[in-house]
Amino acid sequence: MNRIKEVLKDKGISQTWLAKQTGKSYTTINEYARNVRQPSLEDLYQIAEILKVSAKDLLIEK
C-alpha cells in the first residue's frame, strides 16, 4: 500500500500534473493513488523526488 493519494492531497497537486511530470499516463497514476497497482521502486523514487518527499513518506503513515 502507498500514500501517493494522501501526499498529493496534502500538497494540493493533481494526479494529472503528476502524470505529466513522470511521463506516465493518468490511468497509471490513478491506479497508484487508488492502490490498485503499485509503482516499481524506480517509479516510487521518481514520484518522491518530484513531490519533494522521501520515498518512505509515500509508504508509511505519519
N, C-alpha and C. Protein backbone atom coordinates (compact mmCIF):
# COMPACT_ATOMS: atom_id res chain seq x y z
N MET A 1 0.83 -1.18 0.00
CA MET A 1 0.00 0.00 0.00
C MET A 1 0.88 1.25 0.00
N ASN A 2 0.43 2.26 -0.68
CA ASN A 2 1.18 3.51 -0.71
C ASN A 2 0.28 4.68 -0.31
N ARG A 3 0.91 5.81 -0.10
CA ARG A 3 0.19 7.02 0.34
C ARG A 3 0.22 8.12 -0.71
N ILE A 4 0.38 7.76 -1.96
CA ILE A 4 0.50 8.77 -3.01
C ILE A 4 -0.71 9.70 -3.01
N LYS A 5 -1.90 9.14 -2.91
CA LYS A 5 -3.12 9.96 -2.94
C LYS A 5 -3.12 10.98 -1.80
N GLU A 6 -2.74 10.54 -0.60
CA GLU A 6 -2.73 11.44 0.56
C GLU A 6 -1.70 12.56 0.40
N VAL A 7 -0.52 12.20 -0.11
CA VAL A 7 0.53 13.20 -0.28
C VAL A 7 0.13 14.21 -1.35
N LEU A 8 -0.47 13.75 -2.44
CA LEU A 8 -0.95 14.67 -3.46
C LEU A 8 -1.98 15.63 -2.87
N LYS A 9 -2.91 15.10 -2.09
CA LYS A 9 -3.95 15.93 -1.48
C LYS A 9 -3.32 16.96 -0.53
N ASP A 10 -2.39 16.51 0.32
CA ASP A 10 -1.73 17.40 1.28
C ASP A 10 -1.01 18.55 0.57
N LYS A 11 -0.44 18.25 -0.59
CA LYS A 11 0.33 19.26 -1.32
C LYS A 11 -0.51 20.04 -2.33
N GLY A 12 -1.77 19.65 -2.49
CA GLY A 12 -2.64 20.34 -3.44
C GLY A 12 -2.24 20.10 -4.88
N ILE A 13 -1.75 18.91 -5.16
CA ILE A 13 -1.26 18.56 -6.50
C ILE A 13 -2.21 17.53 -7.12
N SER A 14 -2.50 17.70 -8.40
CA SER A 14 -3.42 16.79 -9.07
C SER A 14 -2.69 15.56 -9.62
N GLN A 15 -3.45 14.52 -9.80
CA GLN A 15 -2.90 13.31 -10.43
C GLN A 15 -2.51 13.59 -11.87
N THR A 16 -3.25 14.46 -12.53
CA THR A 16 -2.93 14.82 -13.92
C THR A 16 -1.56 15.49 -13.99
N TRP A 17 -1.27 16.41 -13.07
CA TRP A 17 0.02 17.09 -13.04
C TRP A 17 1.13 16.07 -12.81
N LEU A 18 0.93 15.16 -11.85
CA LEU A 18 1.95 14.16 -11.55
C LEU A 18 2.18 13.25 -12.76
N ALA A 19 1.12 12.91 -13.45
CA ALA A 19 1.26 12.07 -14.65
C ALA A 19 2.14 12.77 -15.69
N LYS A 20 1.92 14.06 -15.90
CA LYS A 20 2.74 14.81 -16.86
C LYS A 20 4.19 14.87 -16.42
N GLN A 21 4.42 15.07 -15.13
CA GLN A 21 5.79 15.18 -14.61
C GLN A 21 6.55 13.85 -14.72
N THR A 22 5.85 12.75 -14.55
CA THR A 22 6.51 11.44 -14.56
C THR A 22 6.58 10.83 -15.95
N GLY A 23 5.75 11.34 -16.86
CA GLY A 23 5.69 10.73 -18.19
C GLY A 23 4.82 9.48 -18.20
N LYS A 24 4.09 9.27 -17.12
CA LYS A 24 3.16 8.13 -17.03
C LYS A 24 1.77 8.61 -17.44
N SER A 25 0.91 7.66 -17.77
CA SER A 25 -0.46 8.03 -18.12
C SER A 25 -1.23 8.39 -16.85
N TYR A 26 -2.29 9.17 -17.03
CA TYR A 26 -3.16 9.49 -15.90
C TYR A 26 -3.69 8.21 -15.27
N THR A 27 -4.05 7.25 -16.10
CA THR A 27 -4.60 5.99 -15.62
C THR A 27 -3.62 5.28 -14.69
N THR A 28 -2.36 5.26 -15.06
CA THR A 28 -1.34 4.62 -14.23
C THR A 28 -1.23 5.32 -12.88
N ILE A 29 -1.14 6.64 -12.89
CA ILE A 29 -1.03 7.40 -11.64
C ILE A 29 -2.28 7.20 -10.80
N ASN A 30 -3.44 7.19 -11.42
CA ASN A 30 -4.69 6.97 -10.70
C ASN A 30 -4.72 5.58 -10.06
N GLU A 31 -4.22 4.58 -10.76
CA GLU A 31 -4.16 3.23 -10.19
C GLU A 31 -3.20 3.18 -9.01
N TYR A 32 -2.08 3.91 -9.11
CA TYR A 32 -1.16 4.00 -7.96
C TYR A 32 -1.87 4.66 -6.79
N ALA A 33 -2.56 5.76 -7.05
CA ALA A 33 -3.22 6.53 -6.00
C ALA A 33 -4.33 5.72 -5.31
N ARG A 34 -4.98 4.87 -6.06
CA ARG A 34 -6.07 4.06 -5.50
C ARG A 34 -5.57 2.72 -4.96
N ASN A 35 -4.27 2.48 -5.04
CA ASN A 35 -3.66 1.23 -4.58
C ASN A 35 -4.17 0.01 -5.34
N VAL A 36 -4.57 0.24 -6.58
CA VAL A 36 -4.97 -0.87 -7.45
C VAL A 36 -3.70 -1.52 -8.01
N ARG A 37 -2.69 -0.69 -8.18
CA ARG A 37 -1.41 -1.10 -8.74
C ARG A 37 -0.33 -0.38 -7.96
N GLN A 38 0.81 -1.04 -7.76
CA GLN A 38 1.90 -0.43 -7.01
C GLN A 38 3.02 -0.02 -7.96
N PRO A 39 3.61 1.16 -7.73
CA PRO A 39 4.71 1.59 -8.58
C PRO A 39 5.96 0.74 -8.32
N SER A 40 6.79 0.62 -9.33
CA SER A 40 8.09 -0.03 -9.13
C SER A 40 8.91 0.85 -8.19
N LEU A 41 9.96 0.32 -7.64
CA LEU A 41 10.83 1.13 -6.76
C LEU A 41 11.37 2.34 -7.51
N GLU A 42 11.75 2.14 -8.75
CA GLU A 42 12.26 3.24 -9.57
C GLU A 42 11.20 4.34 -9.70
N ASP A 43 9.97 3.95 -10.00
CA ASP A 43 8.89 4.92 -10.14
C ASP A 43 8.56 5.58 -8.80
N LEU A 44 8.61 4.81 -7.72
CA LEU A 44 8.34 5.36 -6.40
C LEU A 44 9.35 6.45 -6.05
N TYR A 45 10.63 6.18 -6.32
CA TYR A 45 11.67 7.18 -6.05
C TYR A 45 11.50 8.41 -6.95
N GLN A 46 11.11 8.20 -8.20
CA GLN A 46 10.88 9.33 -9.11
C GLN A 46 9.73 10.19 -8.60
N ILE A 47 8.65 9.56 -8.18
CA ILE A 47 7.49 10.30 -7.66
C ILE A 47 7.89 11.06 -6.40
N ALA A 48 8.63 10.40 -5.52
CA ALA A 48 9.08 11.06 -4.28
C ALA A 48 9.92 12.29 -4.60
N GLU A 49 10.81 12.17 -5.57
CA GLU A 49 11.66 13.31 -5.95
C GLU A 49 10.82 14.45 -6.50
N ILE A 50 9.89 14.14 -7.36
CA ILE A 50 9.02 15.16 -7.95
C ILE A 50 8.18 15.86 -6.87
N LEU A 51 7.68 15.08 -5.91
CA LEU A 51 6.84 15.64 -4.85
C LEU A 51 7.64 16.24 -3.70
N LYS A 52 8.96 16.10 -3.79
CA LYS A 52 9.86 16.63 -2.76
C LYS A 52 9.56 16.04 -1.37
N VAL A 53 9.42 14.72 -1.36
CA VAL A 53 9.25 13.97 -0.12
C VAL A 53 10.18 12.75 -0.21
N SER A 54 10.36 12.08 0.91
CA SER A 54 11.15 10.86 0.86
C SER A 54 10.25 9.71 0.38
N ALA A 55 10.87 8.70 -0.18
CA ALA A 55 10.11 7.53 -0.61
C ALA A 55 9.39 6.92 0.60
N LYS A 56 10.02 7.00 1.76
CA LYS A 56 9.42 6.50 3.00
C LYS A 56 8.08 7.19 3.28
N ASP A 57 8.01 8.50 3.00
CA ASP A 57 6.76 9.24 3.22
C ASP A 57 5.63 8.76 2.32
N LEU A 58 5.98 8.14 1.21
CA LEU A 58 4.96 7.62 0.30
C LEU A 58 4.48 6.23 0.73
N LEU A 59 5.19 5.64 1.68
CA LEU A 59 4.85 4.27 2.08
C LEU A 59 4.31 4.15 3.50
N ILE A 60 4.76 5.01 4.40
CA ILE A 60 4.44 4.86 5.81
C ILE A 60 3.59 6.03 6.29
N GLU A 61 2.51 5.71 6.96
CA GLU A 61 1.68 6.77 7.54
C GLU A 61 2.41 7.44 8.67
N LYS A 62 2.26 8.75 8.75
CA LYS A 62 2.92 9.52 9.80
C LYS A 62 2.13 9.46 11.07
